[in-house]
Amino acid sequence: MATTNVPPQAGANGSQAKNTNFTGFAPKFGLNINVSGNGGGGGGKQMTAAGGQQGGGGSHFILGDPEFNSAEDVRNYCNHVRALMIQAAIELAMASKILEARLAQAQTLPGDNVIQARMRALKVSRKLKKAADGATAAAKSAVGAYGAFTREYADLMRPRPQRQASTNPFKF
């Protein structure tokens, strides 16, 4: 059996120049995250947009490592989740609308009419809209999580009156 050497196809090894004339449908947007706390209860850490902590540490979480050592830590974390998810929901909803408009203006398939083209565009953009709805639900759930925390652990968060030490020493 003879073996044949087939040269790599164009772009297979990455040595070919990329085509810069591509006009894709994806809108260009980025998510910038700046989360900072007041540092009062140990829960406020300033985060970078890449998700790592400033000054070392290498957290893999966008919001930093969750530290729930106090009620303020829980509140700060839930507030940061809410803020992040609201921003993501807004960006996803806008991207959905932009994608729908862009696809609706694309060249139609042979035999299609304008209404069918718009319906296909709506069907594709609906997935990003669903992602935006999920981000909104995550923001609502973060608020609900803090509300449930305050309800369930309110008695632990309230300062309790301290018992006074007995003034009578122990006697036999």
Protein backbone atom coordinates (compact mmCIF):
# COMPACT_ATOMS: atom_id res chain seq x y z
CA MET A 1 0.00 0.00 0.00
CA ALA A 2 1.48 3.32 -1.06
CA THR A 3 1.29 6.35 1.16
CA THR A 4 0.81 9.78 -0.28
CA ASN A 5 1.75 13.01 1.33
CA VAL A 6 -1.01 15.56 1.11
CA PRO A 7 0.07 19.15 1.75
CA PRO A 8 -1.91 20.98 4.43
CA GLN A 9 -4.96 22.84 3.23
CA ALA A 10 -5.04 26.63 3.22
CA GLY A 11 -5.13 27.90 6.77
CA ALA A 12 -4.80 24.45 8.35
CA ASN A 13 -1.60 25.30 10.18
CA GLY A 14 -2.40 28.95 10.80
CA SER A 15 0.29 30.21 8.45
CA GLN A 16 -2.15 31.79 6.05
CA ALA A 17 -3.18 35.42 6.46
CA LYS A 18 -6.67 35.92 7.82
CA ASN A 19 -9.34 37.31 5.56
CA THR A 20 -10.16 40.83 6.76
CA ASN A 21 -13.01 41.40 4.30
CA PHE A 22 -15.49 39.35 6.35
CA THR A 23 -18.58 41.24 7.37
CA GLY A 24 -20.21 38.95 9.89
CA PHE A 25 -23.53 39.35 11.57
CA ALA A 26 -22.23 39.47 15.13
CA PRO A 27 -22.45 42.89 16.75
CA LYS A 28 -19.29 44.09 18.42
CA PHE A 29 -19.75 44.72 22.11
CA GLY A 30 -17.79 44.01 25.25
CA LEU A 31 -18.61 43.59 28.89
CA ASN A 32 -16.68 45.89 31.19
CA ILE A 33 -16.93 45.05 34.87
CA ASN A 34 -15.76 47.29 37.66
CA VAL A 35 -16.80 46.03 41.06
CA SER A 36 -15.59 47.76 44.17
CA GLY A 37 -16.66 47.74 47.75
CA ASN A 38 -16.22 50.15 50.62
CA GLY A 39 -13.92 47.79 52.48
CA GLY A 40 -15.85 48.20 55.73
CA GLY A 41 -16.61 44.59 56.61
CA GLY A 42 -13.87 42.66 54.91
CA GLY A 43 -16.08 41.97 51.90
CA GLY A 44 -15.04 44.88 49.71
CA LYS A 45 -12.38 43.94 47.19
CA GLN A 46 -11.70 45.92 44.09
CA MET A 47 -11.92 43.76 41.01
CA THR A 48 -10.50 44.15 37.54
CA ALA A 49 -12.39 43.67 34.28
CA ALA A 50 -10.55 40.44 33.54
CA GLY A 51 -11.93 38.88 36.70
CA GLY A 52 -8.78 38.71 38.77
CA GLN A 53 -8.17 40.44 42.02
CA GLN A 54 -5.89 43.42 42.10
CA GLY A 55 -2.71 42.95 44.01
CA GLY A 56 -2.29 39.23 43.46
CA GLY A 57 -4.56 36.39 44.31
CA GLY A 58 -5.70 34.64 41.07
CA SER A 59 -9.40 34.20 41.53
CA HIS A 60 -11.27 32.44 38.77
CA PHE A 61 -14.52 34.18 39.67
CA ILE A 62 -15.62 37.44 38.06
CA LEU A 63 -16.86 38.71 41.42
CA GLY A 64 -13.90 37.32 43.35
CA ASP A 65 -13.87 34.42 45.76
CA PRO A 66 -17.13 34.40 47.70
CA GLU A 67 -16.38 35.11 51.34
CA PHE A 68 -19.46 35.05 53.50
CA ASN A 69 -18.00 35.91 56.87
CA SER A 70 -20.54 38.57 57.78
CA ALA A 71 -23.94 39.88 56.79
CA GLU A 72 -22.22 42.73 54.97
CA ASP A 73 -20.28 40.22 52.86
CA VAL A 74 -23.52 38.54 51.81
CA ARG A 75 -25.13 41.91 51.03
CA ASN A 76 -22.13 43.11 49.01
CA TYR A 77 -21.93 39.88 47.03
CA CYS A 78 -25.64 39.90 46.19
CA ASN A 79 -25.45 43.57 45.18
CA HIS A 80 -22.48 42.89 42.91
CA VAL A 81 -24.25 39.93 41.30
CA ARG A 82 -27.32 42.08 40.73
CA ALA A 83 -25.31 44.90 39.16
CA LEU A 84 -23.38 42.51 36.91
CA MET A 85 -26.49 40.68 35.74
CA ILE A 86 -28.39 43.90 35.04
CA GLN A 87 -25.53 45.12 32.87
CA ALA A 88 -25.33 41.76 31.09
CA ALA A 89 -29.11 41.73 30.52
CA ILE A 90 -29.04 45.19 28.98
CA GLU A 91 -26.14 44.31 26.68
CA LEU A 92 -27.72 41.00 25.63
CA ALA A 93 -31.07 42.63 24.90
CA MET A 94 -29.39 45.31 22.79
CA ALA A 95 -27.31 42.70 20.97
CA SER A 96 -30.49 40.75 20.26
CA LYS A 97 -32.15 43.78 18.69
CA ILE A 98 -29.05 44.67 16.68
CA LEU A 99 -28.71 41.09 15.43
CA GLU A 100 -32.37 40.97 14.47
CA ALA A 101 -32.10 44.23 12.52
CA ARG A 102 -28.89 43.13 10.84
CA LEU A 103 -30.30 39.75 9.80
CA ALA A 104 -33.54 41.33 8.59
CA GLN A 105 -31.50 43.51 6.23
CA ALA A 106 -29.47 40.58 4.91
CA GLN A 107 -30.03 39.30 1.42
CA THR A 108 -33.07 37.05 1.24
CA LEU A 109 -33.00 33.46 0.06
CA PRO A 110 -34.33 32.73 -3.43
CA GLY A 111 -38.11 32.37 -3.25
CA ASP A 112 -38.40 34.12 0.15
CA ASN A 113 -40.42 37.23 0.73
CA VAL A 114 -39.66 40.03 3.17
CA ILE A 115 -41.88 38.62 5.91
CA GLN A 116 -40.17 35.23 5.84
CA ALA A 117 -36.76 36.91 6.07
CA ARG A 118 -37.88 38.92 9.10
CA MET A 119 -39.32 35.84 10.76
CA ARG A 120 -36.02 33.97 10.32
CA ALA A 121 -34.16 36.95 11.78
CA LEU A 122 -36.53 37.03 14.74
CA LYS A 123 -36.08 33.30 15.30
CA VAL A 124 -32.29 33.67 15.46
CA SER A 125 -32.27 36.75 17.68
CA ARG A 126 -34.77 35.16 20.07
CA LYS A 127 -31.95 33.10 21.58
CA LEU A 128 -30.05 36.22 22.68
CA LYS A 129 -33.29 37.65 24.03
CA LYS A 130 -33.74 34.47 26.07
CA ALA A 131 -30.20 34.91 27.43
CA ALA A 132 -31.08 38.49 28.40
CA ASP A 133 -34.18 37.21 30.20
CA GLY A 134 -32.00 34.69 32.04
CA ALA A 135 -29.62 37.43 33.17
CA THR A 136 -32.60 39.46 34.40
CA ALA A 137 -33.85 36.42 36.31
CA ALA A 138 -30.38 35.99 37.85
CA ALA A 139 -30.42 39.62 39.02
CA LYS A 140 -33.86 39.11 40.57
CA SER A 141 -32.70 35.92 42.26
CA ALA A 142 -29.67 37.67 43.76
CA VAL A 143 -31.96 40.26 45.32
CA GLY A 144 -34.23 37.46 46.51
CA ALA A 145 -31.27 35.61 48.00
CA TYR A 146 -30.35 38.59 50.16
CA GLY A 147 -33.99 39.07 51.13
CA ALA A 148 -34.25 35.44 52.18
CA PHE A 149 -30.97 35.75 54.07
CA THR A 150 -32.22 38.74 56.06
CA ARG A 151 -35.52 36.97 56.79
CA GLU A 152 -34.01 33.66 57.85
CA TYR A 153 -31.04 35.00 59.76
CA ALA A 154 -32.45 38.27 61.10
CA ASP A 155 -32.28 37.03 64.67
CA LEU A 156 -28.58 36.24 64.27
CA MET A 157 -27.79 39.61 62.72
CA ARG A 158 -29.43 41.58 65.52
CA PRO A 159 -27.18 42.45 68.43
CA ARG A 160 -28.20 40.37 71.40
CA PRO A 161 -28.23 41.73 74.94
CA GLN A 162 -25.25 40.46 76.84
CA ARG A 163 -25.80 38.58 80.07
CA GLN A 164 -24.14 40.21 82.97
CA ALA A 165 -21.61 38.17 84.85
CA SER A 166 -22.87 36.98 88.19
CA THR A 167 -21.50 38.91 91.11
CA ASN A 168 -21.87 36.01 93.52
CA PRO A 169 -18.79 33.84 93.46
CA PHE A 170 -19.16 30.11 93.73
CA LYS A 171 -19.21 28.85 97.31
CA PHE A 172 -19.10 25.37 98.80
